[in-house]
Amino acid sequence: MSKDDELAITRGSGNVFRDAGLPDADTELLKADLSAAILRAQRQQGLTNAAAAQKAGVDEGDISRIRRCDLDRFTIDRLVRILNRLDPRVSVVVEFVPRAKLAQGRA
């Protein structure tokens, strides 16, 4: 590979949705993080989709949608509620980042 063929490296913002220019990037990232935590709790407890749905008080289809990252039907509070029913040790931290830092891609 010649020097002219080298790839340029761009530092991301930490939010792939923002980097892709998608609307509501912070909401989408939080939903993705919550769904990953739901699936991690399910896996750690060895629960089938049906057992996880029963424990969380949702339909099995909801767990399947979470597994497929089809999160349009879910609000953040609903995902937190599902996660809390699967793993009651949930802690959510909110951090405020100045818009100037977001614009610079350092958030």
Protein backbone atom coordinates (compact mmCIF):
# COMPACT_ATOMS: atom_id res chain seq x y z
CA MET A 1 0.00 0.00 0.00
CA SER A 2 1.46 3.33 -1.01
CA LYS A 3 1.25 6.46 1.10
CA ASP A 4 -1.42 7.82 -1.26
CA ASP A 5 -3.58 4.73 -0.65
CA GLU A 6 -3.68 5.12 3.15
CA LEU A 7 -7.07 5.50 4.73
CA ALA A 8 -7.94 8.69 6.53
CA ILE A 9 -8.84 8.22 10.17
CA THR A 10 -11.65 10.32 11.59
CA ARG A 11 -12.37 10.38 15.29
CA GLY A 12 -16.04 9.72 15.99
CA SER A 13 -18.18 11.62 18.44
CA GLY A 14 -18.94 8.51 20.50
CA ASN A 15 -22.43 8.34 19.02
CA VAL A 16 -22.60 6.41 15.76
CA PHE A 17 -26.11 7.76 15.12
CA ARG A 18 -24.85 11.35 15.33
CA ASP A 19 -21.85 10.52 13.17
CA ALA A 20 -24.23 9.11 10.54
CA GLY A 21 -26.26 12.34 10.65
CA LEU A 22 -29.44 10.64 11.87
CA PRO A 23 -32.13 12.65 13.66
CA ASP A 24 -32.61 12.13 17.42
CA ALA A 25 -29.16 10.58 17.66
CA ASP A 26 -28.95 10.76 21.45
CA THR A 27 -32.33 9.07 21.86
CA GLU A 28 -31.37 6.33 19.42
CA LEU A 29 -28.07 5.70 21.22
CA LEU A 30 -29.81 5.46 24.59
CA LYS A 31 -32.39 3.03 23.17
CA ALA A 32 -29.59 0.91 21.68
CA ASP A 33 -27.71 0.87 25.00
CA LEU A 34 -30.85 -0.10 26.92
CA SER A 35 -31.73 -2.87 24.45
CA ALA A 36 -28.18 -4.24 24.71
CA ALA A 37 -28.53 -4.29 28.51
CA ILE A 38 -31.88 -6.10 28.22
CA LEU A 39 -30.34 -8.77 26.00
CA ARG A 40 -27.31 -9.06 28.31
CA ALA A 41 -29.61 -9.61 31.33
CA GLN A 42 -31.59 -12.20 29.36
CA ARG A 43 -28.41 -14.04 28.36
CA GLN A 44 -26.89 -13.93 31.86
CA GLN A 45 -30.03 -15.42 33.34
CA GLY A 46 -30.32 -18.04 30.61
CA LEU A 47 -33.85 -16.93 29.71
CA THR A 48 -35.60 -17.82 26.49
CA ASN A 49 -37.46 -15.04 24.73
CA ALA A 50 -40.71 -16.39 26.19
CA ALA A 51 -39.32 -16.53 29.74
CA ALA A 52 -37.79 -13.05 29.44
CA ALA A 53 -41.08 -11.67 28.12
CA GLN A 54 -43.02 -13.24 30.99
CA LYS A 55 -40.59 -11.92 33.59
CA ALA A 56 -40.63 -8.43 32.01
CA GLY A 57 -44.41 -8.39 31.61
CA VAL A 58 -44.33 -7.89 27.84
CA ASP A 59 -45.23 -9.92 24.77
CA GLU A 60 -42.65 -12.32 23.39
CA GLY A 61 -42.79 -10.29 20.17
CA ASP A 62 -41.42 -7.30 22.08
CA ILE A 63 -38.34 -9.27 23.12
CA SER A 64 -37.91 -10.41 19.51
CA ARG A 65 -38.16 -6.80 18.30
CA ILE A 66 -35.53 -5.75 20.85
CA ARG A 67 -33.29 -8.60 19.67
CA ARG A 68 -33.66 -7.40 16.05
CA CYS A 69 -32.98 -3.75 17.08
CA ASP A 70 -36.45 -2.81 15.85
CA LEU A 71 -36.87 -0.15 18.52
CA ASP A 72 -39.32 2.29 16.89
CA ARG A 73 -42.21 1.01 19.03
CA PHE A 74 -40.28 1.50 22.28
CA THR A 75 -39.90 4.60 24.37
CA ILE A 76 -36.92 5.04 26.65
CA ASP A 77 -39.06 4.66 29.76
CA ARG A 78 -40.57 1.41 28.44
CA LEU A 79 -37.11 -0.04 27.78
CA VAL A 80 -35.98 1.02 31.28
CA ARG A 81 -39.07 -0.67 32.76
CA ILE A 82 -38.35 -3.91 30.86
CA LEU A 83 -34.72 -3.85 31.94
CA ASN A 84 -35.64 -3.11 35.55
CA ARG A 85 -37.96 -6.13 35.61
CA LEU A 86 -35.20 -8.36 34.25
CA ASP A 87 -32.41 -6.90 36.39
CA PRO A 88 -33.50 -4.70 39.32
CA ARG A 89 -29.94 -3.36 39.78
CA VAL A 90 -30.36 -0.86 36.94
CA SER A 91 -28.82 2.57 37.31
CA VAL A 92 -29.23 5.31 34.71
CA VAL A 93 -26.86 8.28 34.69
CA VAL A 94 -27.63 11.48 32.80
CA GLU A 95 -24.73 13.66 31.70
CA PHE A 96 -25.16 17.13 30.26
CA VAL A 97 -22.68 17.97 27.53
CA PRO A 98 -22.35 21.56 26.31
CA ARG A 99 -23.39 21.98 22.68
CA ALA A 100 -19.95 23.40 21.87
CA LYS A 101 -18.37 20.06 22.78
CA LEU A 102 -20.92 18.20 20.67
CA ALA A 103 -20.13 20.43 17.69
CA GLN A 104 -16.42 19.67 18.13
CA GLY A 105 -17.13 15.92 18.24
CA ARG A 106 -15.77 15.47 21.77
CA ALA A 107 -18.90 14.22 23.49
